[in-house]
Amino acid sequence: MRRRIRRLRELRATEWLVLFQLVPAASVVGIAARHARLATLLQFLDQPESAARFVPCPLFHARLSNEELYRLADWASLATWGPRRCLQRSLVVHWLLSRRGRAPVLEVGVALREGELHSHAWVTVAGQPVAETKASLAPFRTILRRGAG
């Protein structure tokens, strides 16, 4: 807990502005993920910023790296959806990177650990995971790959 508080205190003003905008975005994306088909939601989120009329991209997002956006999307998803948040976080990251023209791909995988089925969602750009290591994703077998890539 202290580590999280320290990390929050170290955020720059730009990161705070983006984070405050991502919290409601993560809420809306999470609700949409529960009530809409994933393909339809991704089609909506894949719109480049120039074509996005209904959902403006967060101000100042272009000043942050992919990894910084991932971290802020993770915190926004944690604040709104709790510890099991990888799908919501990945959808928000996918949306942000789509708006930047990066051609992100949403991937969902499953793994069997100690007799239990686990799932995980992540985003890749040009075949490389965004802010996750290939080693952490190695146990997961991709069962869904969707996006512009």
Protein backbone atom coordinates (compact mmCIF):
# COMPACT_ATOMS: atom_id res chain seq x y z
CA MET A 1 0.00 0.00 0.00
CA ARG A 2 2.79 2.43 0.86
CA ARG A 3 4.46 1.66 -2.44
CA ARG A 4 1.28 2.55 -4.35
CA ILE A 5 0.90 5.80 -2.44
CA ARG A 6 4.52 6.68 -3.10
CA ARG A 7 4.07 5.95 -6.80
CA LEU A 8 0.96 8.13 -6.91
CA ARG A 9 2.85 10.96 -5.24
CA GLU A 10 5.53 10.71 -7.93
CA LEU A 11 3.09 11.24 -10.81
CA ARG A 12 3.63 14.29 -12.99
CA ALA A 13 0.77 16.75 -13.55
CA THR A 14 0.20 15.37 -17.05
CA GLU A 15 -0.16 11.84 -15.67
CA TRP A 16 -2.69 13.03 -13.08
CA LEU A 17 -4.76 14.72 -15.78
CA VAL A 18 -4.80 11.59 -17.91
CA LEU A 19 -5.56 9.36 -14.90
CA PHE A 20 -8.56 11.48 -13.90
CA GLN A 21 -9.90 11.12 -17.42
CA LEU A 22 -9.25 7.37 -17.55
CA VAL A 23 -11.23 6.50 -14.40
CA PRO A 24 -14.63 7.26 -15.98
CA ALA A 25 -13.44 5.78 -19.28
CA ALA A 26 -12.51 2.52 -17.52
CA SER A 27 -15.95 2.46 -15.89
CA VAL A 28 -17.75 2.87 -19.21
CA VAL A 29 -15.54 0.35 -20.99
CA GLY A 30 -16.11 -2.18 -18.20
CA ILE A 31 -19.88 -1.78 -18.40
CA ALA A 32 -19.79 -2.02 -22.19
CA ALA A 33 -17.66 -5.18 -22.00
CA ARG A 34 -20.36 -6.82 -19.90
CA HIS A 35 -23.27 -5.82 -22.13
CA ALA A 36 -21.96 -5.65 -25.71
CA ARG A 37 -20.33 -8.14 -28.02
CA LEU A 38 -16.55 -7.83 -27.82
CA ALA A 39 -16.23 -7.53 -31.61
CA THR A 40 -18.69 -4.61 -31.64
CA LEU A 41 -16.94 -2.90 -28.75
CA LEU A 42 -13.52 -3.27 -30.39
CA GLN A 43 -14.87 -1.91 -33.67
CA PHE A 44 -16.03 1.19 -31.79
CA LEU A 45 -12.75 1.51 -29.85
CA ASP A 46 -10.63 1.01 -33.00
CA GLN A 47 -11.65 4.35 -34.50
CA PRO A 48 -8.71 6.68 -35.06
CA GLU A 49 -8.85 9.96 -33.17
CA SER A 50 -9.80 11.86 -36.33
CA ALA A 51 -12.97 9.73 -36.73
CA ALA A 52 -13.94 9.61 -33.06
CA ARG A 53 -16.97 11.84 -32.63
CA PHE A 54 -18.55 10.48 -29.48
CA VAL A 55 -15.63 9.57 -27.25
CA PRO A 56 -12.78 12.07 -27.20
CA CYS A 57 -9.39 10.77 -26.25
CA PRO A 58 -7.97 11.99 -22.94
CA LEU A 59 -6.22 15.32 -23.17
CA PHE A 60 -2.42 15.08 -23.02
CA HIS A 61 -2.34 11.31 -23.66
CA ALA A 62 0.07 11.84 -26.56
CA ARG A 63 2.72 13.10 -24.12
CA LEU A 64 2.93 9.70 -22.42
CA SER A 65 4.66 6.50 -23.50
CA ASN A 66 2.74 3.27 -24.12
CA GLU A 67 4.04 1.93 -20.80
CA GLU A 68 2.90 5.04 -18.89
CA LEU A 69 -0.55 4.78 -20.49
CA TYR A 70 -0.69 1.11 -19.53
CA ARG A 71 0.16 1.92 -15.89
CA LEU A 72 -2.47 4.67 -15.71
CA ALA A 73 -5.08 2.46 -17.40
CA ASP A 74 -4.24 -0.25 -14.86
CA TRP A 75 -4.76 2.14 -11.93
CA ALA A 76 -8.02 3.46 -13.42
CA SER A 77 -9.26 -0.11 -13.91
CA LEU A 78 -8.21 -1.07 -10.39
CA ALA A 79 -10.12 1.91 -8.97
CA THR A 80 -13.28 0.99 -10.87
CA TRP A 81 -13.23 -2.81 -11.21
CA GLY A 82 -10.90 -4.16 -8.54
CA PRO A 83 -8.18 -6.79 -8.78
CA ARG A 84 -9.62 -8.83 -11.68
CA ARG A 85 -9.31 -6.10 -14.23
CA CYS A 86 -7.12 -7.27 -17.11
CA LEU A 87 -9.91 -7.17 -19.74
CA GLN A 88 -11.03 -3.66 -18.81
CA ARG A 89 -7.42 -2.42 -18.65
CA SER A 90 -6.59 -4.03 -21.98
CA LEU A 91 -9.66 -2.51 -23.64
CA VAL A 92 -8.70 0.95 -22.38
CA VAL A 93 -5.10 0.51 -23.56
CA HIS A 94 -6.38 -0.79 -26.91
CA TRP A 95 -8.60 2.30 -27.25
CA LEU A 96 -5.75 4.71 -26.45
CA LEU A 97 -3.29 3.04 -28.80
CA SER A 98 -5.90 2.88 -31.59
CA ARG A 99 -6.36 6.61 -31.27
CA ARG A 100 -2.60 7.00 -31.69
CA GLY A 101 -2.69 4.92 -34.88
CA ARG A 102 -0.57 2.11 -33.37
CA ALA A 103 -2.71 -0.85 -34.65
CA PRO A 104 -3.09 -2.66 -31.30
CA VAL A 105 -4.30 -6.23 -31.01
CA LEU A 106 -6.32 -7.45 -28.02
CA GLU A 107 -5.39 -10.99 -27.02
CA VAL A 108 -7.14 -13.26 -24.55
CA GLY A 109 -5.49 -16.41 -23.32
CA VAL A 110 -6.13 -19.25 -20.91
CA ALA A 111 -3.82 -21.33 -18.73
CA LEU A 112 -4.30 -24.32 -16.47
CA ARG A 113 -2.55 -23.89 -13.11
CA GLU A 114 -2.86 -26.40 -10.32
CA GLY A 115 -6.07 -27.75 -11.83
CA GLU A 116 -7.69 -24.31 -12.17
CA LEU A 117 -8.43 -22.49 -15.38
CA HIS A 118 -7.09 -18.91 -15.47
CA SER A 119 -7.65 -16.30 -18.14
CA HIS A 120 -5.80 -13.13 -19.00
CA ALA A 121 -6.18 -10.29 -21.52
CA TRP A 122 -3.35 -8.18 -22.90
CA VAL A 123 -2.52 -5.89 -25.81
CA THR A 124 0.20 -6.30 -28.40
CA VAL A 125 1.56 -3.88 -30.98
CA ALA A 126 3.55 -5.33 -33.88
CA GLY A 127 3.61 -8.67 -32.07
CA GLN A 128 5.13 -7.25 -28.87
CA PRO A 129 3.14 -7.12 -25.61
CA VAL A 130 2.57 -3.63 -24.21
CA ALA A 131 4.08 -3.29 -20.71
CA GLU A 132 4.00 -7.04 -20.08
CA THR A 133 6.79 -9.55 -20.53
CA LYS A 134 6.66 -12.50 -22.87
CA ALA A 135 7.69 -14.67 -19.92
CA SER A 136 4.61 -13.62 -17.92
CA LEU A 137 2.39 -14.43 -20.90
CA ALA A 138 4.10 -17.73 -21.79
CA PRO A 139 1.73 -19.92 -19.71
CA PHE A 140 -1.31 -18.57 -21.58
CA ARG A 141 -2.57 -20.08 -24.79
CA THR A 142 -4.16 -17.39 -26.94
CA ILE A 143 -7.78 -18.22 -27.71
CA LEU A 144 -8.85 -14.83 -29.10
CA ARG A 145 -6.94 -12.25 -31.10
CA ARG A 146 -8.81 -9.15 -32.26
CA GLY A 147 -7.81 -5.75 -33.47
CA ALA A 148 -6.25 -3.72 -36.17
CA GLY A 149 -2.88 -5.45 -36.21
